[in-house]
Amino acid sequence: MPEVPKEPLTVLERCIGYRFRDISLLKSALTHRSYVNENQGSGRIDDNERQEFLGDAVLQLAVSELLYSRFPNFSEGMLTKVRASLVTDQALSRLAVSYGIGDFLLLGRGEEASGGREKESLLANALEAVMAAIFGDGGYEAAQKFIKKTFEPLLDDLENERLYHDYKSRLQELSHELFQSIPSYRIRGTRGPDHDKTFEVEVDIERTVRAAGSGKSKKEAEQQAARRALDVILARNDGESP
């Protein structure tokens, strides 16, 4: 394989937090088939498609383990849906961009000219190939460590969003079921300086159920109001979920 400058690969190793014993695995993970097609006379050059295949399998297993441990109350169906949302090309390409992987790719002239370094599918495939390279160099434990470091922030966001989403979505379901209406939210006011505001929001359902909440954003305040409105409804039903 034609030599890739050593320094850029060292930079990428630092970015991903893994130092390769066999740097050729990383080189091939960064090699697009368009580069291979244009360099047929330069000796054996492997593109990253086989590594992409292996990396996808390693990724699926590692993310499955993360979700299984992180969300013990999730059903099989929910775990499957969440995993699918985490390993889309869109999500993987964003992660690849965060590591700067596009800057290190070996591309053919045509692919380079067409903006290949920014293509969603190409970046996602390259990240999977890098995962396979880590797996091949250091085994599953090394690949799992990298994947865990990469995906845990997304799981934090997912968990927070799920908790918020549950209050509002559940209140809307109950509002439709009990009152044939949907909750109405309004800002009652704000307090504090501009850089540290607290929002106060009220939710109203047909003037039958009212509750207020506060938070550092309108979204957070609405979620708190929804949670308290749910408490009101549950109390009226003697603590039983309607």
C-alpha atoms as a PDB file:
ATOM      1  CA  MET A   1       0.000   0.000   0.000  1.00  0.00           C
ATOM      2  CA  PRO A   2       1.330   3.470  -0.823  1.00  0.00           C
ATOM      3  CA  GLU A   3       2.702   5.126   2.274  1.00  0.00           C
ATOM      4  CA  VAL A   4       0.393   7.551   4.060  1.00  0.00           C
ATOM      5  CA  PRO A   5       2.298  10.316   5.880  1.00  0.00           C
ATOM      6  CA  LYS A   6       3.040   9.054   9.384  1.00  0.00           C
ATOM      7  CA  GLU A   7       2.184  12.256  11.204  1.00  0.00           C
ATOM      8  CA  PRO A   8      -1.476  12.482  10.069  1.00  0.00           C
ATOM      9  CA  LEU A   9      -2.107   8.908  11.185  1.00  0.00           C
ATOM     10  CA  THR A  10      -0.467   9.676  14.519  1.00  0.00           C
ATOM     11  CA  VAL A  11      -2.806  12.636  14.844  1.00  0.00           C
ATOM     12  CA  LEU A  12      -5.791  10.415  14.093  1.00  0.00           C
ATOM     13  CA  GLU A  13      -4.622   7.861  16.649  1.00  0.00           C
ATOM     14  CA  ARG A  14      -4.602  10.605  19.248  1.00  0.00           C
ATOM     15  CA  CYS A  15      -8.072  11.742  18.173  1.00  0.00           C
ATOM     16  CA  ILE A  16      -9.618   8.305  18.513  1.00  0.00           C
ATOM     17  CA  GLY A  17      -7.611   7.429  21.624  1.00  0.00           C
ATOM     18  CA  TYR A  18      -6.064   4.241  20.296  1.00  0.00           C
ATOM     19  CA  ARG A  19      -2.477   3.504  19.220  1.00  0.00           C
ATOM     20  CA  PHE A  20      -2.106   0.766  16.620  1.00  0.00           C
ATOM     21  CA  ARG A  21       0.509  -1.928  16.713  1.00  0.00           C
ATOM     22  CA  ASP A  22      -0.215  -2.666  13.035  1.00  0.00           C
ATOM     23  CA  ILE A  23      -0.737   0.701  11.386  1.00  0.00           C
ATOM     24  CA  SER A  24      -1.585  -0.956   8.055  1.00  0.00           C
ATOM     25  CA  LEU A  25      -4.992  -1.864   9.499  1.00  0.00           C
ATOM     26  CA  LEU A  26      -5.760   1.807   9.999  1.00  0.00           C
ATOM     27  CA  LYS A  27      -4.421   2.672   6.542  1.00  0.00           C
ATOM     28  CA  SER A  28      -6.731   0.215   4.830  1.00  0.00           C
ATOM     29  CA  ALA A  29      -9.671   1.415   6.964  1.00  0.00           C
ATOM     30  CA  LEU A  30      -9.142   4.869   5.479  1.00  0.00           C
ATOM     31  CA  THR A  31      -8.834   3.673   1.872  1.00  0.00           C
ATOM     32  CA  HIS A  32     -11.873   4.103  -0.375  1.00  0.00           C
ATOM     33  CA  ARG A  33     -12.319   1.795  -3.359  1.00  0.00           C
ATOM     34  CA  SER A  34     -12.050   4.801  -5.710  1.00  0.00           C
ATOM     35  CA  TYR A  35      -8.425   5.203  -4.608  1.00  0.00           C
ATOM     36  CA  VAL A  36      -7.735   1.516  -5.230  1.00  0.00           C
ATOM     37  CA  ASN A  37      -9.289   1.700  -8.695  1.00  0.00           C
ATOM     38  CA  GLU A  38      -7.003   4.565  -9.657  1.00  0.00           C
ATOM     39  CA  ASN A  39      -3.853   2.935  -8.283  1.00  0.00           C
ATOM     40  CA  GLN A  40      -3.979  -0.567  -9.718  1.00  0.00           C
ATOM     41  CA  GLY A  41      -0.318  -0.508 -10.699  1.00  0.00           C
ATOM     42  CA  SER A  42       0.978   0.389  -7.244  1.00  0.00           C
ATOM     43  CA  GLY A  43       0.996  -3.100  -5.770  1.00  0.00           C
ATOM     44  CA  ARG A  44      -1.642  -4.656  -3.569  1.00  0.00           C
ATOM     45  CA  ILE A  45      -3.958  -2.060  -2.041  1.00  0.00           C
ATOM     46  CA  ASP A  46      -6.908  -3.063   0.125  1.00  0.00           C
ATOM     47  CA  ASP A  47      -9.956  -0.858   0.353  1.00  0.00           C
ATOM     48  CA  ASN A  48     -12.072  -0.609   3.505  1.00  0.00           C
ATOM     49  CA  GLU A  49     -15.188  -2.489   2.375  1.00  0.00           C
ATOM     50  CA  ARG A  50     -14.357  -5.780   4.095  1.00  0.00           C
ATOM     51  CA  GLN A  51     -13.439  -3.915   7.273  1.00  0.00           C
ATOM     52  CA  GLU A  52     -16.713  -2.017   7.039  1.00  0.00           C
ATOM     53  CA  PHE A  53     -18.556  -5.361   7.039  1.00  0.00           C
ATOM     54  CA  LEU A  54     -16.710  -6.556  10.130  1.00  0.00           C
ATOM     55  CA  GLY A  55     -16.949  -3.196  11.863  1.00  0.00           C
ATOM     56  CA  ASP A  56     -20.722  -3.162  11.450  1.00  0.00           C
ATOM     57  CA  ALA A  57     -20.962  -6.502  13.270  1.00  0.00           C
ATOM     58  CA  VAL A  58     -18.642  -5.374  16.084  1.00  0.00           C
ATOM     59  CA  LEU A  59     -20.593  -2.125  16.415  1.00  0.00           C
ATOM     60  CA  GLN A  60     -23.948  -3.903  16.607  1.00  0.00           C
ATOM     61  CA  LEU A  61     -22.703  -6.186  19.389  1.00  0.00           C
ATOM     62  CA  ALA A  62     -20.995  -3.450  21.412  1.00  0.00           C
ATOM     63  CA  VAL A  63     -23.961  -1.060  21.194  1.00  0.00           C
ATOM     64  CA  SER A  64     -26.331  -3.911  22.078  1.00  0.00           C
ATOM     65  CA  GLU A  65     -24.289  -4.605  25.202  1.00  0.00           C
ATOM     66  CA  LEU A  66     -24.311  -0.918  26.146  1.00  0.00           C
ATOM     67  CA  LEU A  67     -28.074  -0.632  25.764  1.00  0.00           C
ATOM     68  CA  TYR A  68     -28.721  -3.916  27.558  1.00  0.00           C
ATOM     69  CA  SER A  69     -26.741  -2.718  30.582  1.00  0.00           C
ATOM     70  CA  ARG A  70     -27.878   0.909  30.506  1.00  0.00           C
ATOM     71  CA  PHE A  71     -31.617   0.343  30.115  1.00  0.00           C
ATOM     72  CA  PRO A  72     -32.617  -2.784  32.091  1.00  0.00           C
ATOM     73  CA  ASN A  73     -36.325  -1.938  31.832  1.00  0.00           C
ATOM     74  CA  PHE A  74     -36.389  -1.646  28.043  1.00  0.00           C
ATOM     75  CA  SER A  75     -38.186  -4.391  26.148  1.00  0.00           C
ATOM     76  CA  GLU A  76     -36.523  -6.249  23.286  1.00  0.00           C
ATOM     77  CA  GLY A  77     -38.495  -4.171  20.829  1.00  0.00           C
ATOM     78  CA  MET A  78     -37.449  -0.884  22.419  1.00  0.00           C
ATOM     79  CA  LEU A  79     -33.792  -1.948  22.577  1.00  0.00           C
ATOM     80  CA  THR A  80     -33.935  -2.798  18.886  1.00  0.00           C
ATOM     81  CA  LYS A  81     -35.470   0.564  17.988  1.00  0.00           C
ATOM     82  CA  VAL A  82     -32.964   2.531  20.035  1.00  0.00           C
ATOM     83  CA  ARG A  83     -30.013   0.612  18.588  1.00  0.00           C
ATOM     84  CA  ALA A  84     -31.296   1.248  15.067  1.00  0.00           C
ATOM     85  CA  SER A  85     -31.523   4.988  15.798  1.00  0.00           C
ATOM     86  CA  LEU A  86     -27.925   5.068  17.059  1.00  0.00           C
ATOM     87  CA  VAL A  87     -26.213   3.281  14.164  1.00  0.00           C
ATOM     88  CA  THR A  88     -27.713   5.115  11.199  1.00  0.00           C
ATOM     89  CA  ASP A  89     -25.422   6.562   8.550  1.00  0.00           C
ATOM     90  CA  GLN A  90     -26.417  10.025   9.730  1.00  0.00           C
ATOM     91  CA  ALA A  91     -25.408   9.345  13.330  1.00  0.00           C
ATOM     92  CA  LEU A  92     -22.206   7.542  12.382  1.00  0.00           C
ATOM     93  CA  SER A  93     -21.148  10.245   9.933  1.00  0.00           C
ATOM     94  CA  ARG A  94     -21.517  12.900  12.638  1.00  0.00           C
ATOM     95  CA  LEU A  95     -19.310  10.841  14.929  1.00  0.00           C
ATOM     96  CA  ALA A  96     -16.784  10.384  12.123  1.00  0.00           C
ATOM     97  CA  VAL A  97     -16.701  14.161  11.653  1.00  0.00           C
ATOM     98  CA  SER A  98     -16.112  14.632  15.387  1.00  0.00           C
ATOM     99  CA  TYR A  99     -12.948  12.527  15.061  1.00  0.00           C
ATOM    100  CA  GLY A 100     -11.896  14.277  11.843  1.00  0.00           C
ATOM    101  CA  ILE A 101     -11.823  10.992   9.939  1.00  0.00           C
ATOM    102  CA  GLY A 102     -12.718  12.634   6.639  1.00  0.00           C
ATOM    103  CA  ASP A 103      -9.400  14.500   6.626  1.00  0.00           C
ATOM    104  CA  PHE A 104      -7.452  11.231   6.578  1.00  0.00           C
ATOM    105  CA  LEU A 105      -9.289   9.356   3.845  1.00  0.00           C
ATOM    106  CA  LEU A 106      -7.549   8.111   0.707  1.00  0.00           C
ATOM    107  CA  LEU A 107      -9.887   8.917  -2.184  1.00  0.00           C
ATOM    108  CA  GLY A 108      -9.738   8.735  -5.941  1.00  0.00           C
ATOM    109  CA  ARG A 109      -9.593  12.007  -7.851  1.00  0.00           C
ATOM    110  CA  GLY A 110     -13.218  11.789  -8.927  1.00  0.00           C
ATOM    111  CA  GLU A 111     -14.466  11.025  -5.422  1.00  0.00           C
ATOM    112  CA  GLU A 112     -12.333  13.817  -4.035  1.00  0.00           C
ATOM    113  CA  ALA A 113     -13.707  16.288  -6.559  1.00  0.00           C
ATOM    114  CA  SER A 114     -17.297  15.315  -5.756  1.00  0.00           C
ATOM    115  CA  GLY A 115     -16.892  16.088  -2.053  1.00  0.00           C
ATOM    116  CA  GLY A 116     -16.292  12.544  -0.858  1.00  0.00           C
ATOM    117  CA  ARG A 117     -14.726  13.661   2.412  1.00  0.00           C
ATOM    118  CA  GLU A 118     -18.087  15.079   3.460  1.00  0.00           C
ATOM    119  CA  LYS A 119     -20.384  12.330   2.158  1.00  0.00           C
ATOM    120  CA  GLU A 120     -22.548  10.842   4.884  1.00  0.00           C
ATOM    121  CA  SER A 121     -22.400   7.217   3.757  1.00  0.00           C
ATOM    122  CA  LEU A 122     -18.681   7.313   3.036  1.00  0.00           C
ATOM    123  CA  LEU A 123     -17.883   8.755   6.473  1.00  0.00           C
ATOM    124  CA  ALA A 124     -20.167   6.268   8.235  1.00  0.00           C
ATOM    125  CA  ASN A 125     -18.522   3.371   6.398  1.00  0.00           C
ATOM    126  CA  ALA A 126     -15.063   4.672   7.255  1.00  0.00           C
ATOM    127  CA  LEU A 127     -15.901   4.869  10.957  1.00  0.00           C
ATOM    128  CA  GLU A 128     -17.126   1.267  10.915  1.00  0.00           C
ATOM    129  CA  ALA A 129     -13.904   0.281   9.144  1.00  0.00           C
ATOM    130  CA  VAL A 130     -11.855   2.034  11.839  1.00  0.00           C
ATOM    131  CA  MET A 131     -13.779   0.061  14.466  1.00  0.00           C
ATOM    132  CA  ALA A 132     -12.863  -3.133  12.629  1.00  0.00           C
ATOM    133  CA  ALA A 133      -9.240  -2.010  12.464  1.00  0.00           C
ATOM    134  CA  ILE A 134      -9.175  -1.518  16.239  1.00  0.00           C
ATOM    135  CA  PHE A 135     -10.823  -4.929  16.663  1.00  0.00           C
ATOM    136  CA  GLY A 136      -8.234  -6.544  14.403  1.00  0.00           C
ATOM    137  CA  ASP A 137      -5.349  -4.847  16.161  1.00  0.00           C
ATOM    138  CA  GLY A 138      -6.397  -5.049  19.811  1.00  0.00           C
ATOM    139  CA  GLY A 139      -9.310  -7.480  19.987  1.00  0.00           C
ATOM    140  CA  TYR A 140     -12.914  -7.000  21.010  1.00  0.00           C
ATOM    141  CA  GLU A 141     -12.100  -5.384  24.345  1.00  0.00           C
ATOM    142  CA  ALA A 142     -10.225  -2.543  22.622  1.00  0.00           C
ATOM    143  CA  ALA A 143     -13.002  -2.039  20.060  1.00  0.00           C
ATOM    144  CA  GLN A 144     -15.659  -2.145  22.771  1.00  0.00           C
ATOM    145  CA  LYS A 145     -13.789   0.475  24.792  1.00  0.00           C
ATOM    146  CA  PHE A 146     -13.636   2.797  21.783  1.00  0.00           C
ATOM    147  CA  ILE A 147     -17.311   2.272  20.925  1.00  0.00           C
ATOM    148  CA  LYS A 148     -18.372   2.818  24.522  1.00  0.00           C
ATOM    149  CA  LYS A 149     -16.414   6.082  24.711  1.00  0.00           C
ATOM    150  CA  THR A 150     -17.935   7.182  21.397  1.00  0.00           C
ATOM    151  CA  PHE A 151     -21.556   6.321  22.109  1.00  0.00           C
ATOM    152  CA  GLU A 152     -22.028   6.957  25.840  1.00  0.00           C
ATOM    153  CA  PRO A 153     -22.600  10.726  25.342  1.00  0.00           C
ATOM    154  CA  LEU A 154     -25.365   9.842  22.877  1.00  0.00           C
ATOM    155  CA  LEU A 155     -26.907   7.518  25.453  1.00  0.00           C
ATOM    156  CA  ASP A 156     -26.822  10.319  28.034  1.00  0.00           C
ATOM    157  CA  ASP A 157     -28.694  12.561  25.604  1.00  0.00           C
ATOM    158  CA  LEU A 158     -31.095   9.755  24.772  1.00  0.00           C
ATOM    159  CA  GLU A 159     -31.858   9.056  28.426  1.00  0.00           C
ATOM    160  CA  ASN A 160     -32.506  12.704  29.233  1.00  0.00           C
ATOM    161  CA  GLU A 161     -34.664  13.194  26.167  1.00  0.00           C
ATOM    162  CA  ARG A 162     -36.605  10.003  26.921  1.00  0.00           C
ATOM    163  CA  LEU A 163     -37.403  11.180  30.439  1.00  0.00           C
ATOM    164  CA  TYR A 164     -38.541  14.557  29.172  1.00  0.00           C
ATOM    165  CA  HIS A 165     -40.494  13.072  26.289  1.00  0.00           C
ATOM    166  CA  ASP A 166     -42.342  10.634  28.519  1.00  0.00           C
ATOM    167  CA  TYR A 167     -43.992  13.356  30.628  1.00  0.00           C
ATOM    168  CA  LYS A 168     -45.346  15.379  27.738  1.00  0.00           C
ATOM    169  CA  SER A 169     -46.297  12.456  25.552  1.00  0.00           C
ATOM    170  CA  ARG A 170     -48.061  10.658  28.408  1.00  0.00           C
ATOM    171  CA  LEU A 171     -49.953  13.810  29.380  1.00  0.00           C
ATOM    172  CA  GLN A 172     -51.067  14.321  25.800  1.00  0.00           C
ATOM    173  CA  GLU A 173     -52.279  10.715  25.599  1.00  0.00           C
ATOM    174  CA  LEU A 174     -54.271  11.053  28.826  1.00  0.00           C
ATOM    175  CA  SER A 175     -55.625  14.449  27.846  1.00  0.00           C
ATOM    176  CA  HIS A 176     -56.987  13.054  24.627  1.00  0.00           C
ATOM    177  CA  GLU A 177     -58.346   9.968  26.367  1.00  0.00           C
ATOM    178  CA  LEU A 178     -60.009  11.733  29.305  1.00  0.00           C
ATOM    179  CA  PHE A 179     -60.930  15.148  27.957  1.00  0.00           C
ATOM    180  CA  GLN A 180     -60.828  14.776  24.153  1.00  0.00           C
ATOM    181  CA  SER A 181     -58.415  17.702  24.157  1.00  0.00           C
ATOM    182  CA  ILE A 182     -54.711  18.424  24.138  1.00  0.00           C
ATOM    183  CA  PRO A 183     -52.706  20.291  26.811  1.00  0.00           C
ATOM    184  CA  SER A 184     -52.088  23.994  26.333  1.00  0.00           C
ATOM    185  CA  TYR A 185     -48.799  25.455  27.563  1.00  0.00           C
ATOM    186  CA  ARG A 186     -48.069  29.128  28.244  1.00  0.00           C
ATOM    187  CA  ILE A 187     -45.171  31.016  29.761  1.00  0.00           C
ATOM    188  CA  ARG A 188     -46.214  32.718  32.995  1.00  0.00           C
ATOM    189  CA  GLY A 189     -42.987  34.628  33.344  1.00  0.00           C
ATOM    190  CA  THR A 190     -39.249  34.497  33.822  1.00  0.00           C
ATOM    191  CA  ARG A 191     -36.935  35.372  36.660  1.00  0.00           C
ATOM    192  CA  GLY A 192     -33.231  35.930  36.983  1.00  0.00           C
ATOM    193  CA  PRO A 193     -30.652  37.655  34.765  1.00  0.00           C
ATOM    194  CA  ASP A 194     -30.501  37.001  31.016  1.00  0.00           C
ATOM    195  CA  HIS A 195     -27.540  34.650  31.347  1.00  0.00           C
ATOM    196  CA  ASP A 196     -29.265  32.560  34.024  1.00  0.00           C
ATOM    197  CA  LYS A 197     -33.003  32.780  33.420  1.00  0.00           C
ATOM    198  CA  THR A 198     -35.598  30.512  34.976  1.00  0.00           C
ATOM    199  CA  PHE A 199     -38.777  30.019  32.961  1.00  0.00           C
ATOM    200  CA  GLU A 200     -42.158  29.453  34.561  1.00  0.00           C
ATOM    201  CA  VAL A 201     -44.749  27.621  32.487  1.00  0.00           C
ATOM    202  CA  GLU A 202     -48.358  26.648  33.114  1.00  0.00           C
ATOM    203  CA  VAL A 203     -50.180  23.782  31.452  1.00  0.00           C
ATOM    204  CA  ASP A 204     -53.962  23.762  31.189  1.00  0.00           C
ATOM    205  CA  ILE A 205     -56.352  21.049  30.026  1.00  0.00           C
ATOM    206  CA  GLU A 206     -59.860  22.328  29.377  1.00  0.00           C
ATOM    207  CA  ARG A 207     -59.664  24.369  32.604  1.00  0.00           C
ATOM    208  CA  THR A 208     -60.008  21.074  34.433  1.00  0.00           C
ATOM    209  CA  VAL A 209     -56.379  20.275  35.118  1.00  0.00           C
ATOM    210  CA  ARG A 210     -53.798  22.964  35.720  1.00  0.00           C
ATOM    211  CA  ALA A 211     -50.203  22.725  36.853  1.00  0.00           C
ATOM    212  CA  ALA A 212     -47.061  24.815  36.731  1.00  0.00           C
ATOM    213  CA  GLY A 213     -43.410  24.040  36.298  1.00  0.00           C
ATOM    214  CA  SER A 214     -40.098  25.857  36.111  1.00  0.00           C
ATOM    215  CA  GLY A 215     -36.769  25.242  34.476  1.00  0.00           C
ATOM    216  CA  LYS A 216     -33.712  26.748  32.868  1.00  0.00           C
ATOM    217  CA  SER A 217     -35.336  26.453  29.431  1.00  0.00           C
ATOM    218  CA  LYS A 218     -38.893  26.607  28.160  1.00  0.00           C
ATOM    219  CA  LYS A 219     -38.669  22.940  27.260  1.00  0.00           C
ATOM    220  CA  GLU A 220     -37.570  21.918  30.754  1.00  0.00           C
ATOM    221  CA  ALA A 221     -40.296  24.055  32.339  1.00  0.00           C
ATOM    222  CA  GLU A 222     -42.955  22.488  30.103  1.00  0.00           C
ATOM    223  CA  GLN A 223     -41.765  19.017  31.073  1.00  0.00           C
ATOM    224  CA  GLN A 224     -41.972  19.839  34.762  1.00  0.00           C
ATOM    225  CA  ALA A 225     -45.457  21.288  34.302  1.00  0.00           C
ATOM    226  CA  ALA A 226     -46.511  18.144  32.442  1.00  0.00           C
ATOM    227  CA  ARG A 227     -45.109  15.955  35.224  1.00  0.00           C
ATOM    228  CA  ARG A 228     -47.085  17.860  37.853  1.00  0.00           C
ATOM    229  CA  ALA A 229     -50.234  17.704  35.740  1.00  0.00           C
ATOM    230  CA  LEU A 230     -49.807  13.944  35.586  1.00  0.00           C
ATOM    231  CA  ASP A 231     -49.514  13.911  39.384  1.00  0.00           C
ATOM    232  CA  VAL A 232     -52.844  15.787  39.601  1.00  0.00           C
ATOM    233  CA  ILE A 233     -54.551  13.301  37.296  1.00  0.00           C
ATOM    234  CA  LEU A 234     -53.110  10.316  39.152  1.00  0.00           C
ATOM    235  CA  ALA A 235     -54.203  11.770  42.496  1.00  0.00           C
ATOM    236  CA  ARG A 236     -57.749  12.143  41.214  1.00  0.00           C
ATOM    237  CA  ASN A 237     -57.653   8.501  40.229  1.00  0.00           C
ATOM    238  CA  ASP A 238     -56.419   7.423  43.672  1.00  0.00           C
ATOM    239  CA  GLY A 239     -52.882   6.924  42.450  1.00  0.00           C
ATOM    240  CA  GLU A 240     -53.824   4.488  39.703  1.00  0.00           C
ATOM    241  CA  SER A 241     -52.737   5.163  36.168  1.00  0.00           C
ATOM    242  CA  PRO A 242     -55.846   6.034  34.123  1.00  0.00           C
END
